[in-house]
């Protein structure tokens, strides 16, 4: 599982008084992903290095491979294991005929990046499932309840206040997968990876709720997982709205209490 939180001593100042006490922090450590070569080529090569909160590492790797457009079904991943010779390293073997994502020449961060795609056109062209054709509709009351349902399941956040969360829900608001991480992109990858490993992709008819803002990268990850609705507590970016509109994904922002903004494909929200 990995250590999710750790304790550090801090000096707390309250109303001019100083006191030294322990504080619980979210753990952030690097994770290296290595591709195992089979056939004539032996050994392994580094695919990426990302900063993440330990735990659900196999979900994170699987979801990242979905986001990169490399895999679409659990059968595309032959095996994953924790490397016995290197800490914080996952080795992954892909099925024959599955092309690995392009290798990164740099270490990514817990904030990720553009995840291998540079334009809206490129992302849309790389979608495996027609999200725009998903007929799901969701009650506005269900959407309004999702942030609280997600928050109730953020156990590590309760102790640290320093973790993002993502949750995949049914259109009726039933939670399917909830994951936490220092990086909101990683939290989404962990959710998508859990669904992939359960054979639950494409995630048709599902709603992805995230604890922060809706960026271009999060829309990309949702669309590549076949998720038709993405709801965020905070604001989207312009490129996130453009991509959601192009892909046929319903994007909501500022989902707080009984209010929300629906930026794209609003007909799905009843």
Foldseek 3Di string as FASTA:
>chain_A
DADQKDKDWDWDADPNDTDIDIAIAGDKDKAWEWEADDDPDGDIHTQAIEIKGDDLVLLLVQLLQLLLLQDFALLQWPDWDQDPVDPRYIYTYGDPPGDGRDGDPDHAYLQGPLSNDDALVVLLVSAPDQLLPQPAAAELVLLLCQVVVLVVPPVVCVRHVQKKKKFKAASNNHTDDMAIMNRQLSRLSSRLSVCRNVRNFLVGRIEMEIEAEAELSNLSSNRSSSHQEYEYLAYYDPRNLVSNQSRNHWYWYNSHHSDIDTRHPCVRYD
